[in-house]
PDB file of N, CA and C in Angstrom:
ATOM      1  N   UNK A   1     117.949-107.424-143.038  1.00  0.00           N
ATOM      2  CA  UNK A   1     117.647-108.621-142.264  1.00  0.00           C
ATOM      3  C   UNK A   1     117.378-109.787-143.206  1.00  0.00           C
ATOM      4  N   UNK A   2     117.815-110.954-142.820  1.00  0.00           N
ATOM      5  CA  UNK A   2     117.670-112.157-143.630  1.00  0.00           C
ATOM      6  C   UNK A   2     116.369-112.846-143.263  1.00  0.00           C
ATOM      7  N   UNK A   3     115.584-113.166-144.271  1.00  0.00           N
ATOM      8  CA  UNK A   3     114.307-113.825-144.049  1.00  0.00           C
ATOM      9  C   UNK A   3     114.499-115.336-143.985  1.00  0.00           C
ATOM     10  N   UNK A   4     113.972-115.947-142.939  1.00  0.00           N
ATOM     11  CA  UNK A   4     114.063-117.410-142.829  1.00  0.00           C
ATOM     12  C   UNK A   4     113.220-118.092-143.897  1.00  0.00           C
ATOM     13  N   UNK A   5     112.256-117.367-144.464  1.00  0.00           N
ATOM     14  CA  UNK A   5     111.444-117.940-145.536  1.00  0.00           C
ATOM     15  C   UNK A   5     112.263-118.134-146.806  1.00  0.00           C
ATOM     16  N   UNK A   6     113.309-117.355-146.972  1.00  0.00           N
ATOM     17  CA  UNK A   6     114.153-117.471-148.162  1.00  0.00           C
ATOM     18  C   UNK A   6     115.142-118.614-148.038  1.00  0.00           C
ATOM     19  N   UNK A   7     115.510-118.961-146.820  1.00  0.00           N
ATOM     20  CA  UNK A   7     116.538-119.969-146.584  1.00  0.00           C
ATOM     21  C   UNK A   7     116.088-120.974-145.525  1.00  0.00           C
ATOM     22  N   UNK A   8     114.974-121.664-145.761  1.00  0.00           N
ATOM     23  CA  UNK A   8     114.459-122.565-144.720  1.00  0.00           C
ATOM     24  C   UNK A   8     115.380-123.744-144.409  1.00  0.00           C
ATOM     25  N   UNK A   9     116.053-124.260-145.402  1.00  0.00           N
ATOM     26  CA  UNK A   9     116.932-125.408-145.135  1.00  0.00           C
ATOM     27  C   UNK A   9     118.196-124.962-144.410  1.00  0.00           C
ATOM     28  N   UNK A  10     118.705-123.789-144.730  1.00  0.00           N
ATOM     29  CA  UNK A  10     119.841-123.255-143.983  1.00  0.00           C
ATOM     30  C   UNK A  10     119.436-123.013-142.529  1.00  0.00           C
ATOM     31  N   UNK A  11     118.253-122.450-142.316  1.00  0.00           N
ATOM     32  CA  UNK A  11     117.766-122.244-140.947  1.00  0.00           C
ATOM     33  C   UNK A  11     117.731-123.575-140.203  1.00  0.00           C
ATOM     34  N   UNK A  12     117.192-124.595-140.853  1.00  0.00           N
ATOM     35  CA  UNK A  12     117.081-125.919-140.242  1.00  0.00           C
ATOM     36  C   UNK A  12     118.462-126.467-139.871  1.00  0.00           C
ATOM     37  N   UNK A  13     119.379-126.459-140.818  1.00  0.00           N
ATOM     38  CA  UNK A  13     120.706-127.031-140.588  1.00  0.00           C
ATOM     39  C   UNK A  13     121.453-126.271-139.502  1.00  0.00           C
ATOM     40  N   UNK A  14     121.426-124.954-139.569  1.00  0.00           N
ATOM     41  CA  UNK A  14     122.192-124.181-138.596  1.00  0.00           C
ATOM     42  C   UNK A  14     121.502-124.119-137.239  1.00  0.00           C
ATOM     43  N   UNK A  15     120.185-124.240-137.202  1.00  0.00           N
ATOM     44  CA  UNK A  15     119.468-124.293-135.918  1.00  0.00           C
ATOM     45  C   UNK A  15     119.667-125.633-135.225  1.00  0.00           C
ATOM     46  N   UNK A  16     119.536-126.706-135.986  1.00  0.00           N
ATOM     47  CA  UNK A  16     119.546-128.049-135.400  1.00  0.00           C
ATOM     48  C   UNK A  16     120.955-128.652-135.430  1.00  0.00           C
ATOM     49  N   UNK A  17     121.473-128.903-136.601  1.00  0.00           N
ATOM     50  CA  UNK A  17     122.715-129.655-136.740  1.00  0.00           C
ATOM     51  C   UNK A  17     123.962-128.877-136.305  1.00  0.00           C
ATOM     52  N   UNK A  18     123.951-127.570-136.500  1.00  0.00           N
ATOM     53  CA  UNK A  18     125.072-126.742-136.053  1.00  0.00           C
ATOM     54  C   UNK A  18     124.631-125.815-134.923  1.00  0.00           C
ATOM     55  N   UNK A  19     123.560-126.171-134.249  1.00  0.00           N
ATOM     56  CA  UNK A  19     123.030-125.375-133.146  1.00  0.00           C
ATOM     57  C   UNK A  19     123.759-125.644-131.844  1.00  0.00           C
ATOM     58  N   UNK A  20     123.134-125.265-130.783  1.00  0.00           N
ATOM     59  CA  UNK A  20     123.735-125.366-129.449  1.00  0.00           C
ATOM     60  C   UNK A  20     124.165-126.793-129.111  1.00  0.00           C
ATOM     61  N   UNK A  21     123.396-127.780-129.561  1.00  0.00           N
ATOM     62  CA  UNK A  21     123.705-129.181-129.262  1.00  0.00           C
ATOM     63  C   UNK A  21     124.315-129.903-130.466  1.00  0.00           C
ATOM     64  N   UNK A  22     125.106-129.184-131.263  1.00  0.00           N
ATOM     65  CA  UNK A  22     125.667-129.763-132.482  1.00  0.00           C
ATOM     66  C   UNK A  22     126.440-131.052-132.222  1.00  0.00           C
ATOM     67  N   UNK A  23     127.032-131.179-131.037  1.00  0.00           N
ATOM     68  CA  UNK A  23     127.850-132.358-130.752  1.00  0.00           C
ATOM     69  C   UNK A  23     127.030-133.645-130.683  1.00  0.00           C
ATOM     70  N   UNK A  24     125.716-133.547-130.643  1.00  0.00           N
ATOM     71  CA  UNK A  24     124.870-134.742-130.710  1.00  0.00           C
ATOM     72  C   UNK A  24     124.923-135.381-132.097  1.00  0.00           C
ATOM     73  N   UNK A  25     125.332-134.594-133.090  1.00  0.00           N
ATOM     74  CA  UNK A  25     125.332-135.060-134.475  1.00  0.00           C
ATOM     75  C   UNK A  25     126.734-135.395-134.983  1.00  0.00           C
ATOM     76  N   UNK A  26     127.743-135.059-134.223  1.00  0.00           N
ATOM     77  CA  UNK A  26     129.111-135.337-134.608  1.00  0.00           C
ATOM     78  C   UNK A  26     130.062-134.332-134.003  1.00  0.00           C
ATOM     79  N   UNK A  27     131.335-134.644-134.127  1.00  0.00           N
ATOM     80  CA  UNK A  27     132.362-133.752-133.574  1.00  0.00           C
ATOM     81  C   UNK A  27     133.052-132.925-134.639  1.00  0.00           C
ATOM     82  N   UNK A  28     132.864-133.287-135.898  1.00  0.00           N
ATOM     83  CA  UNK A  28     133.496-132.568-137.002  1.00  0.00           C
ATOM     84  C   UNK A  28     132.437-132.183-138.026  1.00  0.00           C
ATOM     85  N   UNK A  29     132.797-131.255-138.880  1.00  0.00           N
ATOM     86  CA  UNK A  29     131.866-130.849-139.941  1.00  0.00           C
ATOM     87  C   UNK A  29     131.493-132.049-140.815  1.00  0.00           C
ATOM     88  N   UNK A  30     132.443-132.880-141.257  1.00  0.00           N
ATOM     89  CA  UNK A  30     132.050-134.051-142.059  1.00  0.00           C
ATOM     90  C   UNK A  30     131.074-134.981-141.324  1.00  0.00           C
ATOM     91  N   UNK A  31     131.277-135.203-140.040  1.00  0.00           N
ATOM     92  CA  UNK A  31     130.370-136.070-139.276  1.00  0.00           C
ATOM     93  C   UNK A  31     128.977-135.447-139.176  1.00  0.00           C
ATOM     94  N   UNK A  32     128.910-134.165-138.928  1.00  0.00           N
ATOM     95  CA  UNK A  32     127.622-133.487-138.787  1.00  0.00           C
ATOM     96  C   UNK A  32     126.873-133.487-140.120  1.00  0.00           C
ATOM     97  N   UNK A  33     127.560-133.205-141.203  1.00  0.00           N
ATOM     98  CA  UNK A  33     126.919-133.206-142.521  1.00  0.00           C
ATOM     99  C   UNK A  33     126.494-134.611-142.916  1.00  0.00           C
ATOM    100  N   UNK A  34     127.270-135.618-142.587  1.00  0.00           N
ATOM    101  CA  UNK A  34     126.875-137.003-142.881  1.00  0.00           C
ATOM    102  C   UNK A  34     125.583-137.343-142.154  1.00  0.00           C
ATOM    103  N   UNK A  35     125.458-136.926-140.921  1.00  0.00           N
ATOM    104  CA  UNK A  35     124.238-137.159-140.148  1.00  0.00           C
ATOM    105  C   UNK A  35     123.059-136.435-140.783  1.00  0.00           C
ATOM    106  N   UNK A  36     123.260-135.189-141.153  1.00  0.00           N
ATOM    107  CA  UNK A  36     122.202-134.410-141.812  1.00  0.00           C
ATOM    108  C   UNK A  36     121.757-135.096-143.103  1.00  0.00           C
ATOM    109  N   UNK A  37     122.703-135.526-143.935  1.00  0.00           N
ATOM    110  CA  UNK A  37     122.354-136.179-145.196  1.00  0.00           C
ATOM    111  C   UNK A  37     121.566-137.462-144.960  1.00  0.00           C
ATOM    112  N   UNK A  38     121.947-138.212-143.934  1.00  0.00           N
ATOM    113  CA  UNK A  38     121.228-139.449-143.604  1.00  0.00           C
ATOM    114  C   UNK A  38     119.804-139.137-143.145  1.00  0.00           C
ATOM    115  N   UNK A  39     119.665-138.105-142.320  1.00  0.00           N
ATOM    116  CA  UNK A  39     118.358-137.727-141.779  1.00  0.00           C
ATOM    117  C   UNK A  39     117.476-137.015-142.791  1.00  0.00           C
ATOM    118  N   UNK A  40     118.066-136.347-143.762  1.00  0.00           N
ATOM    119  CA  UNK A  40     117.311-135.484-144.686  1.00  0.00           C
ATOM    120  C   UNK A  40     117.666-135.770-146.145  1.00  0.00           C
ATOM    121  N   UNK A  41     117.509-137.020-146.581  1.00  0.00           N
ATOM    122  CA  UNK A  41     117.959-137.351-147.936  1.00  0.00           C
ATOM    123  C   UNK A  41     117.229-136.592-149.044  1.00  0.00           C
ATOM    124  N   UNK A  42     116.037-136.092-148.763  1.00  0.00           N
ATOM    125  CA  UNK A  42     115.275-135.388-149.792  1.00  0.00           C
ATOM    126  C   UNK A  42     115.403-133.877-149.696  1.00  0.00           C
ATOM    127  N   UNK A  43     116.157-133.386-148.721  1.00  0.00           N
ATOM    128  CA  UNK A  43     116.263-131.941-148.523  1.00  0.00           C
ATOM    129  C   UNK A  43     117.656-131.383-148.731  1.00  0.00           C
ATOM    130  N   UNK A  44     118.659-132.222-148.741  1.00  0.00           N
ATOM    131  CA  UNK A  44     120.007-131.658-148.778  1.00  0.00           C
ATOM    132  C   UNK A  44     120.313-130.970-150.105  1.00  0.00           C
ATOM    133  N   UNK A  45     119.627-131.340-151.175  1.00  0.00           N
ATOM    134  CA  UNK A  45     119.823-130.620-152.445  1.00  0.00           C
ATOM    135  C   UNK A  45     119.266-129.205-152.352  1.00  0.00           C
ATOM    136  N   UNK A  46     118.230-129.025-151.539  1.00  0.00           N
ATOM    137  CA  UNK A  46     117.721-127.674-151.283  1.00  0.00           C
ATOM    138  C   UNK A  46     118.774-126.847-150.550  1.00  0.00           C
ATOM    139  N   UNK A  47     119.474-127.472-149.635  1.00  0.00           N
ATOM    140  CA  UNK A  47     120.528-126.774-148.907  1.00  0.00           C
ATOM    141  C   UNK A  47     121.640-126.338-149.853  1.00  0.00           C
ATOM    142  N   UNK A  48     122.004-127.178-150.786  1.00  0.00           N
ATOM    143  CA  UNK A  48     123.024-126.816-151.774  1.00  0.00           C
ATOM    144  C   UNK A  48     122.592-125.553-152.513  1.00  0.00           C
ATOM    145  N   UNK A  49     121.364-125.536-152.999  1.00  0.00           N
ATOM    146  CA  UNK A  49     120.856-124.366-153.736  1.00  0.00           C
ATOM    147  C   UNK A  49     120.830-123.117-152.859  1.00  0.00           C
ATOM    148  N   UNK A  50     120.375-123.279-151.616  1.00  0.00           N
ATOM    149  CA  UNK A  50     120.304-122.126-150.717  1.00  0.00           C
ATOM    150  C   UNK A  50     121.693-121.573-150.407  1.00  0.00           C
ATOM    151  N   UNK A  51     122.655-122.446-150.152  1.00  0.00           N
ATOM    152  CA  UNK A  51     124.017-121.984-149.880  1.00  0.00           C
ATOM    153  C   UNK A  51     124.589-121.233-151.078  1.00  0.00           C
ATOM    154  N   UNK A  52     124.363-121.753-152.272  1.00  0.00           N
ATOM    155  CA  UNK A  52     124.852-121.076-153.478  1.00  0.00           C
ATOM    156  C   UNK A  52     124.189-119.704-153.638  1.00  0.00           C
ATOM    157  N   UNK A  53     122.897-119.655-153.417  1.00  0.00           N
ATOM    158  CA  UNK A  53     122.171-118.388-153.523  1.00  0.00           C
ATOM    159  C   UNK A  53     122.647-117.386-152.472  1.00  0.00           C
ATOM    160  N   UNK A  54     122.783-117.857-151.246  1.00  0.00           N
ATOM    161  CA  UNK A  54     123.222-117.000-150.149  1.00  0.00           C
ATOM    162  C   UNK A  54     124.613-116.437-150.432  1.00  0.00           C
ATOM    163  N   UNK A  55     125.490-117.283-150.905  1.00  0.00           N
ATOM    164  CA  UNK A  55     126.851-116.832-151.220  1.00  0.00           C
ATOM    165  C   UNK A  55     126.858-115.824-152.352  1.00  0.00           C
ATOM    166  N   UNK A  56     126.018-116.038-153.355  1.00  0.00           N
ATOM    167  CA  UNK A  56     125.995-115.087-154.468  1.00  0.00           C
ATOM    168  C   UNK A  56     125.401-113.743-154.046  1.00  0.00           C
ATOM    169  N   UNK A  57     124.521-113.750-153.059  1.00  0.00           N
ATOM    170  CA  UNK A  57     123.946-112.503-152.547  1.00  0.00           C
ATOM    171  C   UNK A  57     124.886-111.768-151.602  1.00  0.00           C
ATOM    172  N   UNK A  58     125.868-112.471-151.062  1.00  0.00           N
ATOM    173  CA  UNK A  58     126.777-111.879-150.078  1.00  0.00           C
ATOM    174  C   UNK A  58     128.246-112.135-150.440  1.00  0.00           C
ATOM    175  N   UNK A  59     128.664-111.748-151.644  1.00  0.00           N
ATOM    176  CA  UNK A  59     130.044-112.033-152.039  1.00  0.00           C
ATOM    177  C   UNK A  59     131.089-111.260-151.226  1.00  0.00           C
ATOM    178  N   UNK A  60     130.711-110.108-150.705  1.00  0.00           N
ATOM    179  CA  UNK A  60     131.676-109.272-149.994  1.00  0.00           C
ATOM    180  C   UNK A  60     131.422-109.169-148.497  1.00  0.00           C
ATOM    181  N   UNK A  61     130.316-109.777-148.038  1.00  0.00           N
ATOM    182  CA  UNK A  61     129.995-109.678-146.607  1.00  0.00           C
ATOM    183  C   UNK A  61     129.479-110.993-146.034  1.00  0.00           C
ATOM    184  N   UNK A  62     130.032-112.092-146.509  1.00  0.00           N
ATOM    185  CA  UNK A  62     129.571-113.414-146.077  1.00  0.00           C
ATOM    186  C   UNK A  62     129.709-113.595-144.569  1.00  0.00           C
ATOM    187  N   UNK A  63     130.827-113.148-144.008  1.00  0.00           N
ATOM    188  CA  UNK A  63     131.039-113.287-142.559  1.00  0.00           C
ATOM    189  C   UNK A  63     129.944-112.573-141.770  1.00  0.00           C
ATOM    190  N   UNK A  64     129.607-111.375-142.185  1.00  0.00           N
ATOM    191  CA  UNK A  64     128.579-110.593-141.487  1.00  0.00           C
ATOM    192  C   UNK A  64     127.208-111.221-141.691  1.00  0.00           C
ATOM    193  N   UNK A  65     126.897-111.613-142.921  1.00  0.00           N
ATOM    194  CA  UNK A  65     125.588-112.209-143.213  1.00  0.00           C
ATOM    195  C   UNK A  65     125.399-113.536-142.483  1.00  0.00           C
ATOM    196  N   UNK A  66     126.480-114.301-142.320  1.00  0.00           N
ATOM    197  CA  UNK A  66     126.394-115.595-141.629  1.00  0.00           C
ATOM    198  C   UNK A  66     126.023-115.436-140.158  1.00  0.00           C
ATOM    199  N   UNK A  67     126.277-114.274-139.578  1.00  0.00           N
ATOM    200  CA  UNK A  67     125.947-114.036-138.162  1.00  0.00           C
ATOM    201  C   UNK A  67     124.479-114.367-137.870  1.00  0.00           C
ATOM    202  N   UNK A  68     123.610-114.171-138.844  1.00  0.00           N
ATOM    203  CA  UNK A  68     122.188-114.494-138.680  1.00  0.00           C
ATOM    204  C   UNK A  68     121.982-115.979-138.354  1.00  0.00           C
ATOM    205  N   UNK A  69     122.864-116.823-138.836  1.00  0.00           N
ATOM    206  CA  UNK A  69     122.720-118.272-138.678  1.00  0.00           C
ATOM    207  C   UNK A  69     123.551-118.860-137.546  1.00  0.00           C
ATOM    208  N   UNK A  70     124.403-118.084-136.924  1.00  0.00           N
ATOM    209  CA  UNK A  70     125.250-118.605-135.851  1.00  0.00           C
ATOM    210  C   UNK A  70     124.398-119.044-134.678  1.00  0.00           C
ATOM    211  N   UNK A  71     124.583-120.276-134.271  1.00  0.00           N
ATOM    212  CA  UNK A  71     123.829-120.791-133.127  1.00  0.00           C
ATOM    213  C   UNK A  71     124.785-121.290-132.052  1.00  0.00           C
ATOM    214  N   UNK A  72     125.394-122.439-132.265  1.00  0.00           N
ATOM    215  CA  UNK A  72     126.287-123.014-131.268  1.00  0.00           C
ATOM    216  C   UNK A  72     127.660-123.302-131.831  1.00  0.00           C
ATOM    217  N   UNK A  73     127.698-123.876-133.019  1.00  0.00           N
ATOM    218  CA  UNK A  73     128.956-124.252-133.655  1.00  0.00           C
ATOM    219  C   UNK A  73     129.690-123.011-134.133  1.00  0.00           C
ATOM    220  N   UNK A  74     130.972-122.963-133.852  1.00  0.00           N
ATOM    221  CA  UNK A  74     131.831-121.866-134.298  1.00  0.00           C
ATOM    222  C   UNK A  74     132.867-122.440-135.264  1.00  0.00           C
ATOM    223  N   UNK A  75     132.697-122.211-136.568  1.00  0.00           N
ATOM    224  CA  UNK A  75     133.625-122.801-137.534  1.00  0.00           C
ATOM    225  C   UNK A  75     135.075-122.393-137.306  1.00  0.00           C
ATOM    226  N   UNK A  76     135.284-121.190-136.763  1.00  0.00           N
ATOM    227  CA  UNK A  76     136.647-120.722-136.513  1.00  0.00           C
ATOM    228  C   UNK A  76     137.366-121.610-135.500  1.00  0.00           C
ATOM    229  N   UNK A  77     136.622-122.204-134.607  1.00  0.00           N
ATOM    230  CA  UNK A  77     137.207-123.094-133.607  1.00  0.00           C
ATOM    231  C   UNK A  77     137.802-124.359-134.204  1.00  0.00           C
ATOM    232  N   UNK A  78     137.329-124.718-135.402  1.00  0.00           N
ATOM    233  CA  UNK A  78     137.868-125.882-136.110  1.00  0.00           C
ATOM    234  C   UNK A  78     138.801-125.467-137.243  1.00  0.00           C
ATOM    235  N   UNK A  79     139.217-124.204-137.241  1.00  0.00           N
ATOM    236  CA  UNK A  79     140.170-123.737-138.234  1.00  0.00           C
ATOM    237  C   UNK A  79     139.567-123.258-139.542  1.00  0.00           C
ATOM    238  N   UNK A  80     138.256-123.127-139.600  1.00  0.00           N
ATOM    239  CA  UNK A  80     137.597-122.650-140.803  1.00  0.00           C
ATOM    240  C   UNK A  80     137.406-121.139-140.764  1.00  0.00           C
ATOM    241  N   UNK A  81     137.347-120.553-141.937  1.00  0.00           N
ATOM    242  CA  UNK A  81     136.756-119.232-142.094  1.00  0.00           C
ATOM    243  C   UNK A  81     135.307-119.501-142.479  1.00  0.00           C
ATOM    244  N   UNK A  82     134.475-118.506-142.511  1.00  0.00           N
ATOM    245  CA  UNK A  82     133.091-118.735-142.946  1.00  0.00           C
ATOM    246  C   UNK A  82     133.093-119.240-144.383  1.00  0.00           C
ATOM    247  N   UNK A  83     133.936-118.673-145.220  1.00  0.00           N
ATOM    248  CA  UNK A  83     134.002-119.111-146.615  1.00  0.00           C
ATOM    249  C   UNK A  83     134.446-120.568-146.721  1.00  0.00           C
ATOM    250  N   UNK A  84     135.490-120.951-146.009  1.00  0.00           N
ATOM    251  CA  UNK A  84     135.953-122.338-146.099  1.00  0.00           C
ATOM    252  C   UNK A  84     134.963-123.308-145.450  1.00  0.00           C
ATOM    253  N   UNK A  85     134.235-122.848-144.441  1.00  0.00           N
ATOM    254  CA  UNK A  85     133.178-123.649-143.813  1.00  0.00           C
ATOM    255  C   UNK A  85     132.077-123.933-144.831  1.00  0.00           C
ATOM    256  N   UNK A  86     131.628-122.913-145.542  1.00  0.00           N
ATOM    257  CA  UNK A  86     130.621-123.111-146.583  1.00  0.00           C
ATOM    258  C   UNK A  86     131.169-124.006-147.691  1.00  0.00           C
ATOM    259  N   UNK A  87     132.432-123.801-148.079  1.00  0.00           N
ATOM    260  CA  UNK A  87     133.051-124.660-149.103  1.00  0.00           C
ATOM    261  C   UNK A  87     133.013-126.121-148.673  1.00  0.00           C
ATOM    262  N   UNK A  88     133.365-126.360-147.424  1.00  0.00           N
ATOM    263  CA  UNK A  88     133.390-127.737-146.902  1.00  0.00           C
ATOM    264  C   UNK A  88     131.987-128.333-146.879  1.00  0.00           C
ATOM    265  N   UNK A  89     131.008-127.595-146.428  1.00  0.00           N
ATOM    266  CA  UNK A  89     129.634-128.094-146.418  1.00  0.00           C
ATOM    267  C   UNK A  89     129.198-128.443-147.832  1.00  0.00           C
ATOM    268  N   UNK A  90     129.438-127.549-148.759  1.00  0.00           N
ATOM    269  CA  UNK A  90     129.019-127.799-150.136  1.00  0.00           C
ATOM    270  C   UNK A  90     129.754-129.003-150.726  1.00  0.00           C
ATOM    271  N   UNK A  91     131.031-129.117-150.467  1.00  0.00           N
ATOM    272  CA  UNK A  91     131.799-130.269-150.959  1.00  0.00           C
ATOM    273  C   UNK A  91     131.201-131.577-150.427  1.00  0.00           C
ATOM    274  N   UNK A  92     130.922-131.606-149.135  1.00  0.00           N
ATOM    275  CA  UNK A  92     130.375-132.811-148.508  1.00  0.00           C
ATOM    276  C   UNK A  92     128.985-133.134-149.020  1.00  0.00           C
ATOM    277  N   UNK A  93     128.194-132.135-149.285  1.00  0.00           N
ATOM    278  CA  UNK A  93     126.852-132.369-149.809  1.00  0.00           C
ATOM    279  C   UNK A  93     126.890-132.940-151.228  1.00  0.00           C
ATOM    280  N   UNK A  94     127.927-132.605-151.985  1.00  0.00           N
ATOM    281  CA  UNK A  94     128.050-133.098-153.355  1.00  0.00           C
ATOM    282  C   UNK A  94     128.617-134.514-153.425  1.00  0.00           C
ATOM    283  N   UNK A  95     129.121-135.021-152.309  1.00  0.00           N
ATOM    284  CA  UNK A  95     129.698-136.384-152.313  1.00  0.00           C
ATOM    285  C   UNK A  95     128.612-137.435-152.387  1.00  0.00           C
TER     286      UNK A  95
END
């Protein structure tokens, strides 16, 4: 089981920004991440670190491990795999 204490910023982003009402923050991953960065300018670097850590802990089971964070947004619906979804989030956070 994944502890929310280990990944608090991921919990926040996937609960709120990619949660059931994700469309309040945008219609695309870039729009949603832009909103998150605007709202959380001092926390998004924590998200970068958490995503990197999470990926390194789950190199062979990222899809299964991500199930813990699934709320409302389905990356597959926008043509992403879980890996490409994480890649896109990380790319946008580094911009």
